PDB file of N, CA and C in Angstrom:
ATOM      1  N   MET A   1      46.862 118.180 137.759  1.00  0.00           N
ATOM      2  CA  MET A   1      47.280 119.544 138.046  1.00  0.00           C
ATOM      3  C   MET A   1      46.981 120.415 136.822  1.00  0.00           C
ATOM      4  N   PRO A   2      46.365 121.588 137.045  1.00  0.00           N
ATOM      5  CA  PRO A   2      46.088 122.487 135.927  1.00  0.00           C
ATOM      6  C   PRO A   2      47.396 122.986 135.317  1.00  0.00           C
ATOM      7  N   GLU A   3      47.311 123.346 134.044  1.00  0.00           N
ATOM      8  CA  GLU A   3      48.503 123.825 133.350  1.00  0.00           C
ATOM      9  C   GLU A   3      49.005 125.132 133.955  1.00  0.00           C
ATOM     10  N   LEU A   4      50.310 125.248 134.052  1.00  0.00           N
ATOM     11  CA  LEU A   4      50.962 126.439 134.588  1.00  0.00           C
ATOM     12  C   LEU A   4      50.677 127.631 133.682  1.00  0.00           C
ATOM     13  N   THR A   5      50.283 128.740 134.274  1.00  0.00           N
ATOM     14  CA  THR A   5      50.024 129.962 133.510  1.00  0.00           C
ATOM     15  C   THR A   5      51.206 130.923 133.683  1.00  0.00           C
ATOM     16  N   PRO A   6      51.369 131.855 132.757  1.00  0.00           N
ATOM     17  CA  PRO A   6      52.437 132.845 132.923  1.00  0.00           C
ATOM     18  C   PRO A   6      52.312 133.610 134.240  1.00  0.00           C
ATOM     19  N   LEU A   7      51.100 133.967 134.645  1.00  0.00           N
ATOM     20  CA  LEU A   7      50.924 134.690 135.897  1.00  0.00           C
ATOM     21  C   LEU A   7      51.429 133.864 137.077  1.00  0.00           C
ATOM     22  N   GLN A   8      51.099 132.580 137.127  1.00  0.00           N
ATOM     23  CA  GLN A   8      51.576 131.711 138.206  1.00  0.00           C
ATOM     24  C   GLN A   8      53.103 131.635 138.205  1.00  0.00           C
ATOM     25  N   LEU A   9      53.683 131.469 137.022  1.00  0.00           N
ATOM     26  CA  LEU A   9      55.142 131.375 136.929  1.00  0.00           C
ATOM     27  C   LEU A   9      55.797 132.644 137.447  1.00  0.00           C
ATOM     28  N   PHE A  10      55.344 133.784 136.983  1.00  0.00           N
ATOM     29  CA  PHE A  10      55.985 135.039 137.378  1.00  0.00           C
ATOM     30  C   PHE A  10      55.756 135.354 138.852  1.00  0.00           C
ATOM     31  N   LYS A  11      54.603 135.022 139.386  1.00  0.00           N
ATOM     32  CA  LYS A  11      54.378 135.195 140.824  1.00  0.00           C
ATOM     33  C   LYS A  11      55.343 134.321 141.618  1.00  0.00           C
ATOM     34  N   CYS A  12      55.493 133.096 141.169  1.00  0.00           N
ATOM     35  CA  CYS A  12      56.356 132.152 141.865  1.00  0.00           C
ATOM     36  C   CYS A  12      57.813 132.600 141.807  1.00  0.00           C
ATOM     37  N   LEU A  13      58.276 133.014 140.652  1.00  0.00           N
ATOM     38  CA  LEU A  13      59.676 133.384 140.492  1.00  0.00           C
ATOM     39  C   LEU A  13      59.979 134.825 140.885  1.00  0.00           C
ATOM     40  N   SER A  14      58.959 135.579 141.299  1.00  0.00           N
ATOM     41  CA  SER A  14      59.204 136.953 141.729  1.00  0.00           C
ATOM     42  C   SER A  14      59.901 137.003 143.081  1.00  0.00           C
ATOM     43  N   ASP A  15      59.894 135.891 143.795  1.00  0.00           N
ATOM     44  CA  ASP A  15      60.605 135.809 145.070  1.00  0.00           C
ATOM     45  C   ASP A  15      62.063 135.436 144.793  1.00  0.00           C
ATOM     46  N   GLU A  16      62.996 136.189 145.358  1.00  0.00           N
ATOM     47  CA  GLU A  16      64.421 135.980 145.104  1.00  0.00           C
ATOM     48  C   GLU A  16      64.892 134.576 145.499  1.00  0.00           C
ATOM     49  N   THR A  17      64.373 134.063 146.592  1.00  0.00           N
ATOM     50  CA  THR A  17      64.768 132.726 147.038  1.00  0.00           C
ATOM     51  C   THR A  17      64.295 131.661 146.060  1.00  0.00           C
ATOM     52  N   ARG A  18      63.035 131.733 145.645  1.00  0.00           N
ATOM     53  CA  ARG A  18      62.505 130.739 144.703  1.00  0.00           C
ATOM     54  C   ARG A  18      63.190 130.846 143.344  1.00  0.00           C
ATOM     55  N   LEU A  19      63.491 132.062 142.919  1.00  0.00           N
ATOM     56  CA  LEU A  19      64.223 132.235 141.670  1.00  0.00           C
ATOM     57  C   LEU A  19      65.606 131.605 141.787  1.00  0.00           C
ATOM     58  N   GLY A  20      66.285 131.856 142.906  1.00  0.00           N
ATOM     59  CA  GLY A  20      67.611 131.282 143.115  1.00  0.00           C
ATOM     60  C   GLY A  20      67.588 129.759 143.114  1.00  0.00           C
ATOM     61  N   ILE A  21      66.601 129.178 143.772  1.00  0.00           N
ATOM     62  CA  ILE A  21      66.466 127.719 143.800  1.00  0.00           C
ATOM     63  C   ILE A  21      66.246 127.188 142.380  1.00  0.00           C
ATOM     64  N   THR A  22      65.379 127.838 141.645  1.00  0.00           N
ATOM     65  CA  THR A  22      65.077 127.403 140.276  1.00  0.00           C
ATOM     66  C   THR A  22      66.317 127.467 139.398  1.00  0.00           C
ATOM     67  N   LEU A  23      67.059 128.560 139.496  1.00  0.00           N
ATOM     68  CA  LEU A  23      68.266 128.703 138.685  1.00  0.00           C
ATOM     69  C   LEU A  23      69.343 127.706 139.104  1.00  0.00           C
ATOM     70  N   LEU A  24      69.447 127.462 140.397  1.00  0.00           N
ATOM     71  CA  LEU A  24      70.416 126.488 140.899  1.00  0.00           C
ATOM     72  C   LEU A  24      70.103 125.091 140.369  1.00  0.00           C
ATOM     73  N   LEU A  25      68.841 124.724 140.411  1.00  0.00           N
ATOM     74  CA  LEU A  25      68.454 123.404 139.906  1.00  0.00           C
ATOM     75  C   LEU A  25      68.607 123.321 138.391  1.00  0.00           C
ATOM     76  N   HIS A  26      68.372 124.420 137.703  1.00  0.00           N
ATOM     77  CA  HIS A  26      68.601 124.451 136.262  1.00  0.00           C
ATOM     78  C   HIS A  26      70.075 124.161 135.968  1.00  0.00           C
ATOM     79  N   GLU A  27      70.949 124.745 136.759  1.00  0.00           N
ATOM     80  CA  GLU A  27      72.394 124.585 136.555  1.00  0.00           C
ATOM     81  C   GLU A  27      72.909 123.223 137.011  1.00  0.00           C
ATOM     82  N   MET A  28      72.431 122.755 138.159  1.00  0.00           N
ATOM     83  CA  MET A  28      73.022 121.572 138.791  1.00  0.00           C
ATOM     84  C   MET A  28      72.255 120.274 138.536  1.00  0.00           C
ATOM     85  N   GLY A  29      71.034 120.373 138.087  1.00  0.00           N
ATOM     86  CA  GLY A  29      70.228 119.165 137.920  1.00  0.00           C
ATOM     87  C   GLY A  29      69.483 118.869 139.196  1.00  0.00           C
ATOM     88  N   GLU A  30      69.738 117.725 139.782  1.00  0.00           N
ATOM     89  CA  GLU A  30      69.042 117.318 141.008  1.00  0.00           C
ATOM     90  C   GLU A  30      69.910 117.598 142.226  1.00  0.00           C
ATOM     91  N   LEU A  31      69.273 118.144 143.273  1.00  0.00           N
ATOM     92  CA  LEU A  31      69.973 118.421 144.526  1.00  0.00           C
ATOM     93  C   LEU A  31      69.109 118.026 145.709  1.00  0.00           C
ATOM     94  N   CYS A  32      69.783 117.631 146.764  1.00  0.00           N
ATOM     95  CA  CYS A  32      69.117 117.328 148.026  1.00  0.00           C
ATOM     96  C   CYS A  32      68.740 118.645 148.712  1.00  0.00           C
ATOM     97  N   VAL A  33      67.691 118.603 149.488  1.00  0.00           N
ATOM     98  CA  VAL A  33      67.255 119.798 150.210  1.00  0.00           C
ATOM     99  C   VAL A  33      68.377 120.339 151.091  1.00  0.00           C
ATOM    100  N   CYS A  34      69.209 119.462 151.649  1.00  0.00           N
ATOM    101  CA  CYS A  34      70.304 119.941 152.508  1.00  0.00           C
ATOM    102  C   CYS A  34      71.303 120.772 151.700  1.00  0.00           C
ATOM    103  N   ASP A  35      71.576 120.374 150.462  1.00  0.00           N
ATOM    104  CA  ASP A  35      72.491 121.143 149.617  1.00  0.00           C
ATOM    105  C   ASP A  35      71.874 122.462 149.175  1.00  0.00           C
ATOM    106  N   ILE A  36      70.603 122.450 148.872  1.00  0.00           N
ATOM    107  CA  ILE A  36      69.912 123.690 148.481  1.00  0.00           C
ATOM    108  C   ILE A  36      69.944 124.677 149.635  1.00  0.00           C
ATOM    109  N   THR A  37      69.726 124.188 150.840  1.00  0.00           N
ATOM    110  CA  THR A  37      69.753 125.032 152.038  1.00  0.00           C
ATOM    111  C   THR A  37      71.111 125.710 152.196  1.00  0.00           C
ATOM    112  N   VAL A  38      72.180 124.968 151.976  1.00  0.00           N
ATOM    113  CA  VAL A  38      73.535 125.526 152.059  1.00  0.00           C
ATOM    114  C   VAL A  38      73.731 126.597 150.993  1.00  0.00           C
ATOM    115  N   ALA A  39      73.338 126.306 149.778  1.00  0.00           N
ATOM    116  CA  ALA A  39      73.574 127.222 148.658  1.00  0.00           C
ATOM    117  C   ALA A  39      72.833 128.541 148.816  1.00  0.00           C
ATOM    118  N   ILE A  40      71.590 128.479 149.274  1.00  0.00           N
ATOM    119  CA  ILE A  40      70.810 129.723 149.362  1.00  0.00           C
ATOM    120  C   ILE A  40      70.942 130.397 150.727  1.00  0.00           C
ATOM    121  N   GLU A  41      71.668 129.752 151.635  1.00  0.00           N
ATOM    122  CA  GLU A  41      71.931 130.299 152.976  1.00  0.00           C
ATOM    123  C   GLU A  41      70.643 130.650 153.721  1.00  0.00           C
ATOM    124  N   GLU A  42      69.740 129.700 153.748  1.00  0.00           N
ATOM    125  CA  GLU A  42      68.482 129.851 154.483  1.00  0.00           C
ATOM    126  C   GLU A  42      68.297 128.650 155.398  1.00  0.00           C
ATOM    127  N   SER A  43      67.380 128.759 156.316  1.00  0.00           N
ATOM    128  CA  SER A  43      67.083 127.643 157.211  1.00  0.00           C
ATOM    129  C   SER A  43      66.375 126.537 156.437  1.00  0.00           C
ATOM    130  N   GLN A  44      66.455 125.329 156.967  1.00  0.00           N
ATOM    131  CA  GLN A  44      65.816 124.199 156.298  1.00  0.00           C
ATOM    132  C   GLN A  44      64.302 124.375 156.210  1.00  0.00           C
ATOM    133  N   PRO A  45      63.619 124.824 157.288  1.00  0.00           N
ATOM    134  CA  PRO A  45      62.167 125.008 157.163  1.00  0.00           C
ATOM    135  C   PRO A  45      61.778 126.049 156.097  1.00  0.00           C
ATOM    136  N   LYS A  46      62.526 127.152 156.033  1.00  0.00           N
ATOM    137  CA  LYS A  46      62.219 128.182 155.033  1.00  0.00           C
ATOM    138  C   LYS A  46      62.489 127.640 153.626  1.00  0.00           C
ATOM    139  N   THR A  47      63.588 126.924 153.467  1.00  0.00           N
ATOM    140  CA  THR A  47      63.915 126.327 152.178  1.00  0.00           C
ATOM    141  C   THR A  47      62.822 125.350 151.744  1.00  0.00           C
ATOM    142  N   SER A  48      62.402 124.511 152.673  1.00  0.00           N
ATOM    143  CA  SER A  48      61.358 123.521 152.363  1.00  0.00           C
ATOM    144  C   SER A  48      60.046 124.187 151.977  1.00  0.00           C
ATOM    145  N   ARG A  49      59.727 125.294 152.621  1.00  0.00           N
ATOM    146  CA  ARG A  49      58.488 126.019 152.285  1.00  0.00           C
ATOM    147  C   ARG A  49      58.549 126.545 150.847  1.00  0.00           C
ATOM    148  N   HIS A  50      59.694 127.104 150.471  1.00  0.00           N
ATOM    149  CA  HIS A  50      59.850 127.598 149.099  1.00  0.00           C
ATOM    150  C   HIS A  50      59.832 126.451 148.098  1.00  0.00           C
ATOM    151  N   LEU A  51      60.488 125.348 148.435  1.00  0.00           N
ATOM    152  CA  LEU A  51      60.480 124.183 147.549  1.00  0.00           C
ATOM    153  C   LEU A  51      59.066 123.645 147.358  1.00  0.00           C
ATOM    154  N   ALA A  52      58.286 123.641 148.422  1.00  0.00           N
ATOM    155  CA  ALA A  52      56.897 123.174 148.323  1.00  0.00           C
ATOM    156  C   ALA A  52      56.094 124.052 147.374  1.00  0.00           C
ATOM    157  N   MET A  53      56.315 125.358 147.434  1.00  0.00           N
ATOM    158  CA  MET A  53      55.589 126.267 146.530  1.00  0.00           C
ATOM    159  C   MET A  53      55.975 126.000 145.078  1.00  0.00           C
ATOM    160  N   LEU A  54      57.258 125.787 144.831  1.00  0.00           N
ATOM    161  CA  LEU A  54      57.711 125.484 143.473  1.00  0.00           C
ATOM    162  C   LEU A  54      57.159 124.147 142.991  1.00  0.00           C
ATOM    163  N   ARG A  55      57.101 123.189 143.890  1.00  0.00           N
ATOM    164  CA  ARG A  55      56.565 121.873 143.534  1.00  0.00           C
ATOM    165  C   ARG A  55      55.071 121.956 143.234  1.00  0.00           C
ATOM    166  N   GLU A  56      54.340 122.737 144.019  1.00  0.00           N
ATOM    167  CA  GLU A  56      52.890 122.866 143.830  1.00  0.00           C
ATOM    168  C   GLU A  56      52.536 123.507 142.490  1.00  0.00           C
ATOM    169  N   THR A  57      53.407 124.358 141.973  1.00  0.00           N
ATOM    170  CA  THR A  57      53.138 124.968 140.662  1.00  0.00           C
ATOM    171  C   THR A  57      53.488 124.021 139.519  1.00  0.00           C
ATOM    172  N   GLY A  58      54.173 122.931 139.838  1.00  0.00           N
ATOM    173  CA  GLY A  58      54.566 121.972 138.815  1.00  0.00           C
ATOM    174  C   GLY A  58      55.955 122.210 138.257  1.00  0.00           C
ATOM    175  N   LEU A  59      56.677 123.198 138.806  1.00  0.00           N
ATOM    176  CA  LEU A  59      58.027 123.465 138.321  1.00  0.00           C
ATOM    177  C   LEU A  59      59.026 122.402 138.758  1.00  0.00           C
ATOM    178  N   LEU A  60      58.831 121.839 139.944  1.00  0.00           N
ATOM    179  CA  LEU A  60      59.779 120.875 140.490  1.00  0.00           C
ATOM    180  C   LEU A  60      59.144 119.513 140.691  1.00  0.00           C
ATOM    181  N   LEU A  61      59.993 118.512 140.630  1.00  0.00           N
ATOM    182  CA  LEU A  61      59.640 117.156 141.029  1.00  0.00           C
ATOM    183  C   LEU A  61      60.538 116.795 142.197  1.00  0.00           C
ATOM    184  N   ASP A  62      60.041 115.928 143.064  1.00  0.00           N
ATOM    185  CA  ASP A  62      60.861 115.496 144.190  1.00  0.00           C
ATOM    186  C   ASP A  62      60.860 113.984 144.278  1.00  0.00           C
ATOM    187  N   ARG A  63      61.867 113.477 144.956  1.00  0.00           N
ATOM    188  CA  ARG A  63      61.929 112.048 145.234  1.00  0.00           C
ATOM    189  C   ARG A  63      62.603 111.877 146.590  1.00  0.00           C
ATOM    190  N   ARG A  64      62.157 110.873 147.302  1.00  0.00           N
ATOM    191  CA  ARG A  64      62.709 110.601 148.626  1.00  0.00           C
ATOM    192  C   ARG A  64      63.802 109.562 148.504  1.00  0.00           C
ATOM    193  N   GLU A  65      64.904 109.806 149.214  1.00  0.00           N
ATOM    194  CA  GLU A  65      65.983 108.839 149.335  1.00  0.00           C
ATOM    195  C   GLU A  65      66.343 108.790 150.815  1.00  0.00           C
ATOM    196  N   GLY A  66      65.867 107.757 151.487  1.00  0.00           N
ATOM    197  CA  GLY A  66      66.039 107.699 152.937  1.00  0.00           C
ATOM    198  C   GLY A  66      65.231 108.802 153.580  1.00  0.00           C
ATOM    199  N   LYS A  67      65.893 109.601 154.410  1.00  0.00           N
ATOM    200  CA  LYS A  67      65.171 110.701 155.064  1.00  0.00           C
ATOM    201  C   LYS A  67      65.279 112.013 154.287  1.00  0.00           C
ATOM    202  N   TRP A  68      66.000 112.008 153.165  1.00  0.00           N
ATOM    203  CA  TRP A  68      66.219 113.227 152.408  1.00  0.00           C
ATOM    204  C   TRP A  68      65.339 113.284 151.163  1.00  0.00           C
ATOM    205  N   ILE A  69      64.979 114.504 150.812  1.00  0.00           N
ATOM    206  CA  ILE A  69      64.200 114.755 149.600  1.00  0.00           C
ATOM    207  C   ILE A  69      65.127 115.429 148.587  1.00  0.00           C
ATOM    208  N   HIS A  70      65.096 114.932 147.376  1.00  0.00           N
ATOM    209  CA  HIS A  70      65.883 115.486 146.277  1.00  0.00           C
ATOM    210  C   HIS A  70      64.917 116.155 145.299  1.00  0.00           C
ATOM    211  N   TYR A  71      65.340 117.309 144.798  1.00  0.00           N
ATOM    212  CA  TYR A  71      64.501 118.098 143.890  1.00  0.00           C
ATOM    213  C   TYR A  71      65.201 118.293 142.555  1.00  0.00           C
ATOM    214  N   ARG A  72      64.376 118.431 141.511  1.00  0.00           N
ATOM    215  CA  ARG A  72      64.871 118.748 140.169  1.00  0.00           C
ATOM    216  C   ARG A  72      63.763 119.476 139.426  1.00  0.00           C
ATOM    217  N   LEU A  73      64.147 120.188 138.380  1.00  0.00           N
ATOM    218  CA  LEU A  73      63.137 120.816 137.532  1.00  0.00           C
ATOM    219  C   LEU A  73      62.352 119.723 136.834  1.00  0.00           C
ATOM    220  N   SER A  74      61.075 119.924 136.728  1.00  0.00           N
ATOM    221  CA  SER A  74      60.228 118.939 136.076  1.00  0.00           C
ATOM    222  C   SER A  74      60.485 118.934 134.564  1.00  0.00           C
ATOM    223  N   PRO A  75      60.630 117.755 133.993  1.00  0.00           N
ATOM    224  CA  PRO A  75      60.768 117.688 132.531  1.00  0.00           C
ATOM    225  C   PRO A  75      59.430 117.928 131.826  1.00  0.00           C
ATOM    226  N   HIS A  76      58.354 118.050 132.598  1.00  0.00           N
ATOM    227  CA  HIS A  76      57.012 118.203 132.033  1.00  0.00           C
ATOM    228  C   HIS A  76      56.543 119.655 131.975  1.00  0.00           C
ATOM    229  N   ILE A  77      57.408 120.605 132.347  1.00  0.00           N
ATOM    230  CA  ILE A  77      56.984 122.005 132.279  1.00  0.00           C
ATOM    231  C   ILE A  77      56.807 122.397 130.813  1.00  0.00           C
ATOM    232  N   PRO A  78      55.922 123.340 130.567  1.00  0.00           N
ATOM    233  CA  PRO A  78      55.718 123.780 129.185  1.00  0.00           C
ATOM    234  C   PRO A  78      57.011 124.326 128.580  1.00  0.00           C
ATOM    235  N   ALA A  79      57.136 124.220 127.270  1.00  0.00           N
ATOM    236  CA  ALA A  79      58.344 124.677 126.576  1.00  0.00           C
ATOM    237  C   ALA A  79      58.604 126.165 126.823  1.00  0.00           C
ATOM    238  N   TRP A  80      57.553 126.969 126.867  1.00  0.00           N
ATOM    239  CA  TRP A  80      57.743 128.399 127.094  1.00  0.00           C
ATOM    240  C   TRP A  80      58.328 128.651 128.482  1.00  0.00           C
ATOM    241  N   THR A  81      57.954 127.837 129.459  1.00  0.00           N
ATOM    242  CA  THR A  81      58.479 127.982 130.816  1.00  0.00           C
ATOM    243  C   THR A  81      59.955 127.618 130.844  1.00  0.00           C
ATOM    244  N   ALA A  82      60.301 126.508 130.208  1.00  0.00           N
ATOM    245  CA  ALA A  82      61.698 126.084 130.146  1.00  0.00           C
ATOM    246  C   ALA A  82      62.565 127.141 129.473  1.00  0.00           C
ATOM    247  N   GLU A  83      62.025 127.769 128.444  1.00  0.00           N
ATOM    248  CA  GLU A  83      62.773 128.807 127.727  1.00  0.00           C
ATOM    249  C   GLU A  83      62.973 130.038 128.599  1.00  0.00           C
ATOM    250  N   ILE A  84      61.978 130.429 129.355  1.00  0.00           N
ATOM    251  CA  ILE A  84      62.114 131.574 130.269  1.00  0.00           C
ATOM    252  C   ILE A  84      63.181 131.275 131.313  1.00  0.00           C
ATOM    253  N   ILE A  85      63.165 130.084 131.872  1.00  0.00           N
ATOM    254  CA  ILE A  85      64.163 129.705 132.875  1.00  0.00           C
ATOM    255  C   ILE A  85      65.557 129.687 132.246  1.00  0.00           C
ATOM    256  N   ARG A  86      65.675 129.146 131.047  1.00  0.00           N
ATOM    257  CA  ARG A  86      66.977 129.089 130.361  1.00  0.00           C
ATOM    258  C   ARG A  86      67.525 130.489 130.108  1.00  0.00           C
ATOM    259  N   GLN A  87      66.683 131.386 129.602  1.00  0.00           N
ATOM    260  CA  GLN A  87      67.135 132.745 129.315  1.00  0.00           C
ATOM    261  C   GLN A  87      67.463 133.504 130.596  1.00  0.00           C
ATOM    262  N   THR A  88      66.669 133.285 131.633  1.00  0.00           N
ATOM    263  CA  THR A  88      66.942 133.931 132.913  1.00  0.00           C
ATOM    264  C   THR A  88      68.277 133.457 133.465  1.00  0.00           C
ATOM    265  N   ALA A  89      68.551 132.170 133.336  1.00  0.00           N
ATOM    266  CA  ALA A  89      69.831 131.620 133.807  1.00  0.00           C
ATOM    267  C   ALA A  89      70.996 132.278 133.071  1.00  0.00           C
ATOM    268  N   GLN A  90      70.846 132.534 131.783  1.00  0.00           N
ATOM    269  CA  GLN A  90      71.911 133.197 131.032  1.00  0.00           C
ATOM    270  C   GLN A  90      72.150 134.616 131.555  1.00  0.00           C
ATOM    271  N   CYS A  91      71.088 135.295 131.920  1.00  0.00           N
ATOM    272  CA  CYS A  91      71.192 136.673 132.409  1.00  0.00           C
ATOM    273  C   CYS A  91      71.682 136.742 133.855  1.00  0.00           C
ATOM    274  N   GLN A  92      71.513 135.661 134.592  1.00  0.00           N
ATOM    275  CA  GLN A  92      71.860 135.636 136.017  1.00  0.00           C
ATOM    276  C   GLN A  92      73.111 134.794 136.280  1.00  0.00           C
ATOM    277  N   PHE A  93      74.043 134.824 135.356  1.00  0.00           N
ATOM    278  CA  PHE A  93      75.246 134.000 135.462  1.00  0.00           C
ATOM    279  C   PHE A  93      75.986 134.251 136.776  1.00  0.00           C
ATOM    280  N   VAL A  94      76.125 135.500 137.184  1.00  0.00           N
ATOM    281  CA  VAL A  94      76.858 135.831 138.413  1.00  0.00           C
ATOM    282  C   VAL A  94      76.149 135.229 139.628  1.00  0.00           C
ATOM    283  N   GLN A  95      74.838 135.363 139.703  1.00  0.00           N
ATOM    284  CA  GLN A  95      74.084 134.805 140.820  1.00  0.00           C
ATOM    285  C   GLN A  95      74.228 133.283 140.868  1.00  0.00           C
ATOM    286  N   ILE A  96      74.134 132.639 139.733  1.00  0.00           N
ATOM    287  CA  ILE A  96      74.262 131.182 139.689  1.00  0.00           C
ATOM    288  C   ILE A  96      75.658 130.756 140.127  1.00  0.00           C
ATOM    289  N   THR A  97      76.668 131.498 139.690  1.00  0.00           N
ATOM    290  CA  THR A  97      78.042 131.197 140.089  1.00  0.00           C
ATOM    291  C   THR A  97      78.194 131.300 141.602  1.00  0.00           C
ATOM    292  N   GLN A  98      77.607 132.326 142.206  1.00  0.00           N
ATOM    293  CA  GLN A  98      77.669 132.478 143.665  1.00  0.00           C
ATOM    294  C   GLN A  98      76.985 131.312 144.370  1.00  0.00           C
ATOM    295  N   LEU A  99      75.825 130.914 143.874  1.00  0.00           N
ATOM    296  CA  LEU A  99      75.098 129.801 144.490  1.00  0.00           C
ATOM    297  C   LEU A  99      75.882 128.497 144.387  1.00  0.00           C
ATOM    298  N   THR A 100      76.436 128.224 143.224  1.00  0.00           N
ATOM    299  CA  THR A 100      77.182 126.977 143.065  1.00  0.00           C
ATOM    300  C   THR A 100      78.477 127.004 143.871  1.00  0.00           C
ATOM    301  N   LYS A 101      79.087 128.168 144.011  1.00  0.00           N
ATOM    302  CA  LYS A 101      80.298 128.290 144.831  1.00  0.00           C
ATOM    303  C   LYS A 101      79.978 127.990 146.292  1.00  0.00           C
ATOM    304  N   ARG A 102      78.879 128.563 146.797  1.00  0.00           N
ATOM    305  CA  ARG A 102      78.451 128.276 148.176  1.00  0.00           C
ATOM    306  C   ARG A 102      78.165 126.794 148.352  1.00  0.00           C
ATOM    307  N   LEU A 103      77.539 126.226 147.357  1.00  0.00           N
ATOM    308  CA  LEU A 103      77.216 124.802 147.400  1.00  0.00           C
ATOM    309  C   LEU A 103      78.494 123.970 147.497  1.00  0.00           C
ATOM    310  N   GLN A 104      79.470 124.298 146.691  1.00  0.00           N
ATOM    311  CA  GLN A 104      80.729 123.540 146.687  1.00  0.00           C
ATOM    312  C   GLN A 104      81.512 123.753 147.975  1.00  0.00           C
ATOM    313  N   GLN A 105      81.495 124.969 148.511  1.00  0.00           N
ATOM    314  CA  GLN A 105      82.239 125.262 149.739  1.00  0.00           C
ATOM    315  C   GLN A 105      81.575 124.642 150.969  1.00  0.00           C
ATOM    316  N   GLY A 106      80.256 124.635 150.974  1.00  0.00           N
ATOM    317  CA  GLY A 106      79.556 124.186 152.165  1.00  0.00           C
ATOM    318  C   GLY A 106      78.902 122.830 152.031  1.00  0.00           C
ATOM    319  N   SER A 107      79.118 122.189 150.904  1.00  0.00           N
ATOM    320  CA  SER A 107      78.447 120.915 150.660  1.00  0.00           C
ATOM    321  C   SER A 107      78.893 119.844 151.625  1.00  0.00           C
ATOM    322  N   VAL A 108      77.925 119.227 152.219  1.00  0.00           N
ATOM    323  CA  VAL A 108      78.161 118.075 153.091  1.00  0.00           C
ATOM    324  C   VAL A 108      77.254 116.965 152.585  1.00  0.00           C
ATOM    325  N   ALA A 109      77.737 115.772 152.691  1.00  0.00           N
ATOM    326  CA  ALA A 109      76.890 114.651 152.275  1.00  0.00           C
ATOM    327  C   ALA A 109      75.661 114.620 153.166  1.00  0.00           C
ATOM    328  N   CYS A 110      74.528 114.459 152.567  1.00  0.00           N
ATOM    329  CA  CYS A 110      73.296 114.350 153.346  1.00  0.00           C
ATOM    330  C   CYS A 110      73.366 113.066 154.166  1.00  0.00           C
ATOM    331  N   GLN A 111      73.193 113.243 155.438  1.00  0.00           N
ATOM    332  CA  GLN A 111      73.306 112.082 156.322  1.00  0.00           C
ATOM    333  C   GLN A 111      72.012 111.792 157.011  1.00  0.00           C
TER     334      GLN A 111
END
């Protein structure tokens, strides 16, 4: 995979849903697609489409556990990318709190 460029990163994170997913994963670590869907209040197909875009840029890694896919931020992203995500998370504390609250209220074990 070619190295992530600033233009690719900003295009990817310019979408509110993808930004929310990225910040949620930054805060929570690894999450199942079912939990991400609950937190961002979107349909599973729409959530999966956004997750695929994030994965294709190299921001996310996924792993299968049974029928569920779990996502996390890639530890291989460039340092400048990790720093942008970290600083954005600090600035978006309220949004992250809302996402994690929805996750906790609506979380169901992936079955």
